[in-house]
Amino acid sequence: MGTFCFFLGIYGLFKLSNRYKIISVASDKSLPQKKVIIERLLSELSIQVVPDENYYSFTHRRKWWGSPFDVHLFYDEQIVSFSIQGKDYSDGGFLDLGETERLRKKIAKKLKEHLEAA
């Protein structure tokens, strides 16, 4: 039982540091080009959101039964950055079975593809 608690504690520390991870993708595209690329990406993911200048914030749920994710996306002259936090109905899901990291990788991959193609 002690070993289980130890590994659960280590996992909790790992999850805590990953919860607020920010992914940045360097890009020298102009701001209007980045806006079009991000809107195309969001459209591809079936997400409708009204931006606040160069900042997007929304809640994304892949399937109706799945956990929601808070997504924050920002762009400026040098980078496009985003952060994803998995959340639970009690606002702090502990075990998401890797869904947050899969969504991070999916958005990062699609974002890089769109930035390179444009």
C-alpha atoms as a PDB file:
ATOM      1  CA  MET A   1       0.000   0.000   0.000  1.00  0.00           C
ATOM      2  CA  GLY A   2       2.886   2.358   0.796  1.00  0.00           C
ATOM      3  CA  THR A   3       4.426   1.820  -2.639  1.00  0.00           C
ATOM      4  CA  PHE A   4       1.118   2.660  -4.314  1.00  0.00           C
ATOM      5  CA  CYS A   5       0.832   5.919  -2.353  1.00  0.00           C
ATOM      6  CA  PHE A   6       4.433   6.804  -3.203  1.00  0.00           C
ATOM      7  CA  PHE A   7       3.901   6.333  -6.949  1.00  0.00           C
ATOM      8  CA  LEU A   8       0.576   8.162  -6.804  1.00  0.00           C
ATOM      9  CA  GLY A   9       2.392  11.104  -5.168  1.00  0.00           C
ATOM     10  CA  ILE A  10       5.120  11.096  -7.830  1.00  0.00           C
ATOM     11  CA  TYR A  11       2.438  10.979 -10.549  1.00  0.00           C
ATOM     12  CA  GLY A  12       0.672  13.923  -8.888  1.00  0.00           C
ATOM     13  CA  LEU A  13       3.859  16.008  -8.944  1.00  0.00           C
ATOM     14  CA  PHE A  14       4.365  15.166 -12.626  1.00  0.00           C
ATOM     15  CA  LYS A  15       0.772  16.134 -13.448  1.00  0.00           C
ATOM     16  CA  LEU A  16       1.059  19.383 -11.518  1.00  0.00           C
ATOM     17  CA  SER A  17       4.038  20.542 -13.581  1.00  0.00           C
ATOM     18  CA  ASN A  18       2.326  19.499 -16.837  1.00  0.00           C
ATOM     19  CA  ARG A  19      -1.010  21.163 -16.076  1.00  0.00           C
ATOM     20  CA  TYR A  20       0.112  24.625 -17.185  1.00  0.00           C
ATOM     21  CA  LYS A  21       2.499  23.634 -19.985  1.00  0.00           C
ATOM     22  CA  ILE A  22       2.723  26.213 -22.779  1.00  0.00           C
ATOM     23  CA  ILE A  23       3.554  25.032 -26.287  1.00  0.00           C
ATOM     24  CA  SER A  24       5.179  27.635 -28.565  1.00  0.00           C
ATOM     25  CA  VAL A  25       5.731  27.357 -32.287  1.00  0.00           C
ATOM     26  CA  ALA A  26       8.091  29.863 -33.900  1.00  0.00           C
ATOM     27  CA  SER A  27       6.774  31.486 -37.050  1.00  0.00           C
ATOM     28  CA  ASP A  28       7.770  34.488 -39.138  1.00  0.00           C
ATOM     29  CA  LYS A  29       4.366  34.793 -40.829  1.00  0.00           C
ATOM     30  CA  SER A  30       2.601  38.142 -40.627  1.00  0.00           C
ATOM     31  CA  LEU A  31      -0.120  38.677 -38.017  1.00  0.00           C
ATOM     32  CA  PRO A  32      -2.961  38.619 -40.596  1.00  0.00           C
ATOM     33  CA  GLN A  33      -1.581  35.344 -42.018  1.00  0.00           C
ATOM     34  CA  LYS A  34      -1.417  33.830 -38.534  1.00  0.00           C
ATOM     35  CA  LYS A  35      -4.989  34.892 -37.840  1.00  0.00           C
ATOM     36  CA  VAL A  36      -6.189  33.158 -41.019  1.00  0.00           C
ATOM     37  CA  ILE A  37      -4.171  30.026 -40.178  1.00  0.00           C
ATOM     38  CA  ILE A  38      -5.556  29.850 -36.651  1.00  0.00           C
ATOM     39  CA  GLU A  39      -9.119  30.385 -37.841  1.00  0.00           C
ATOM     40  CA  ARG A  40      -8.629  27.603 -40.425  1.00  0.00           C
ATOM     41  CA  LEU A  41      -7.267  25.312 -37.699  1.00  0.00           C
ATOM     42  CA  LEU A  42     -10.196  26.052 -35.383  1.00  0.00           C
ATOM     43  CA  SER A  43     -12.637  25.495 -38.213  1.00  0.00           C
ATOM     44  CA  GLU A  44     -11.013  22.141 -38.951  1.00  0.00           C
ATOM     45  CA  LEU A  45     -11.484  21.182 -35.287  1.00  0.00           C
ATOM     46  CA  SER A  46     -15.138  22.404 -35.419  1.00  0.00           C
ATOM     47  CA  ILE A  47     -14.500  25.141 -32.863  1.00  0.00           C
ATOM     48  CA  GLN A  48     -16.286  28.462 -33.087  1.00  0.00           C
ATOM     49  CA  VAL A  49     -14.850  31.254 -30.982  1.00  0.00           C
ATOM     50  CA  VAL A  50     -14.663  35.021 -31.182  1.00  0.00           C
ATOM     51  CA  PRO A  51     -11.060  36.188 -30.688  1.00  0.00           C
ATOM     52  CA  ASP A  52      -9.998  39.006 -28.417  1.00  0.00           C
ATOM     53  CA  GLU A  53      -7.436  40.668 -30.708  1.00  0.00           C
ATOM     54  CA  ASN A  54      -4.691  38.017 -30.981  1.00  0.00           C
ATOM     55  CA  TYR A  55      -5.901  35.831 -28.086  1.00  0.00           C
ATOM     56  CA  TYR A  56      -8.404  32.971 -28.205  1.00  0.00           C
ATOM     57  CA  SER A  57      -9.869  31.285 -25.131  1.00  0.00           C
ATOM     58  CA  PHE A  58     -12.468  28.536 -25.259  1.00  0.00           C
ATOM     59  CA  THR A  59     -13.573  25.240 -23.778  1.00  0.00           C
ATOM     60  CA  HIS A  60     -13.237  22.225 -26.057  1.00  0.00           C
ATOM     61  CA  ARG A  61     -14.878  18.860 -25.586  1.00  0.00           C
ATOM     62  CA  ARG A  62     -13.981  16.183 -28.124  1.00  0.00           C
ATOM     63  CA  LYS A  63     -17.015  14.023 -27.449  1.00  0.00           C
ATOM     64  CA  TRP A  64     -20.091  14.815 -25.386  1.00  0.00           C
ATOM     65  CA  TRP A  65     -19.178  12.221 -22.755  1.00  0.00           C
ATOM     66  CA  GLY A  66     -15.523  13.229 -22.529  1.00  0.00           C
ATOM     67  CA  SER A  67     -13.890  15.697 -20.199  1.00  0.00           C
ATOM     68  CA  PRO A  68     -13.748  19.344 -21.275  1.00  0.00           C
ATOM     69  CA  PHE A  69     -10.486  21.206 -21.858  1.00  0.00           C
ATOM     70  CA  ASP A  70      -9.738  24.893 -21.423  1.00  0.00           C
ATOM     71  CA  VAL A  71      -7.689  26.039 -24.409  1.00  0.00           C
ATOM     72  CA  HIS A  72      -5.819  29.338 -24.550  1.00  0.00           C
ATOM     73  CA  LEU A  73      -4.189  30.365 -27.827  1.00  0.00           C
ATOM     74  CA  PHE A  74      -2.069  33.462 -28.460  1.00  0.00           C
ATOM     75  CA  TYR A  75      -0.004  34.735 -31.375  1.00  0.00           C
ATOM     76  CA  ASP A  76       2.351  37.645 -31.982  1.00  0.00           C
ATOM     77  CA  GLU A  77       5.110  38.545 -34.450  1.00  0.00           C
ATOM     78  CA  GLN A  78       7.449  35.674 -33.505  1.00  0.00           C
ATOM     79  CA  ILE A  79       5.370  32.822 -32.054  1.00  0.00           C
ATOM     80  CA  VAL A  80       2.067  31.072 -31.814  1.00  0.00           C
ATOM     81  CA  SER A  81       1.525  29.663 -28.320  1.00  0.00           C
ATOM     82  CA  PHE A  82      -1.188  27.602 -26.727  1.00  0.00           C
ATOM     83  CA  SER A  83      -1.972  25.953 -23.443  1.00  0.00           C
ATOM     84  CA  ILE A  84      -4.480  23.215 -22.678  1.00  0.00           C
ATOM     85  CA  GLN A  85      -5.755  22.373 -19.224  1.00  0.00           C
ATOM     86  CA  GLY A  86      -7.925  19.342 -18.755  1.00  0.00           C
ATOM     87  CA  LYS A  87     -10.729  19.990 -16.331  1.00  0.00           C
ATOM     88  CA  ASP A  88     -13.331  17.967 -14.584  1.00  0.00           C
ATOM     89  CA  TYR A  89     -16.781  18.893 -13.389  1.00  0.00           C
ATOM     90  CA  SER A  90     -15.166  19.712 -10.048  1.00  0.00           C
ATOM     91  CA  ASP A  91     -12.590  21.843 -11.993  1.00  0.00           C
ATOM     92  CA  GLY A  92      -9.458  19.842 -11.459  1.00  0.00           C
ATOM     93  CA  GLY A  93      -9.510  16.389 -13.020  1.00  0.00           C
ATOM     94  CA  PHE A  94      -6.585  14.354 -11.761  1.00  0.00           C
ATOM     95  CA  LEU A  95      -6.653  11.283 -14.027  1.00  0.00           C
ATOM     96  CA  ASP A  96      -7.442  12.113 -17.637  1.00  0.00           C
ATOM     97  CA  LEU A  97      -5.714   9.019 -19.061  1.00  0.00           C
ATOM     98  CA  GLY A  98      -3.437  11.125 -21.268  1.00  0.00           C
ATOM     99  CA  GLU A  99      -6.219  12.933 -23.126  1.00  0.00           C
ATOM    100  CA  THR A 100      -4.762  16.398 -22.423  1.00  0.00           C
ATOM    101  CA  GLU A 101      -1.378  15.411 -23.841  1.00  0.00           C
ATOM    102  CA  ARG A 102      -2.991  13.815 -26.928  1.00  0.00           C
ATOM    103  CA  LEU A 103      -4.925  17.016 -27.605  1.00  0.00           C
ATOM    104  CA  ARG A 104      -1.725  19.076 -27.130  1.00  0.00           C
ATOM    105  CA  LYS A 105       0.123  16.931 -29.659  1.00  0.00           C
ATOM    106  CA  LYS A 106      -2.789  17.016 -32.112  1.00  0.00           C
ATOM    107  CA  ILE A 107      -3.092  20.812 -32.028  1.00  0.00           C
ATOM    108  CA  ALA A 108       0.701  21.290 -32.192  1.00  0.00           C
ATOM    109  CA  LYS A 109       0.971  18.982 -35.197  1.00  0.00           C
ATOM    110  CA  LYS A 110      -1.910  20.625 -37.076  1.00  0.00           C
ATOM    111  CA  LEU A 111      -0.650  24.107 -36.215  1.00  0.00           C
ATOM    112  CA  LYS A 112       2.835  23.306 -37.566  1.00  0.00           C
ATOM    113  CA  GLU A 113       1.319  21.808 -40.723  1.00  0.00           C
ATOM    114  CA  HIS A 114      -0.808  24.909 -41.338  1.00  0.00           C
ATOM    115  CA  LEU A 115       2.081  27.293 -40.656  1.00  0.00           C
ATOM    116  CA  GLU A 116       4.391  25.428 -43.038  1.00  0.00           C
ATOM    117  CA  ALA A 117       1.756  25.129 -45.779  1.00  0.00           C
ATOM    118  CA  ALA A 118       0.849  28.812 -45.803  1.00  0.00           C
END
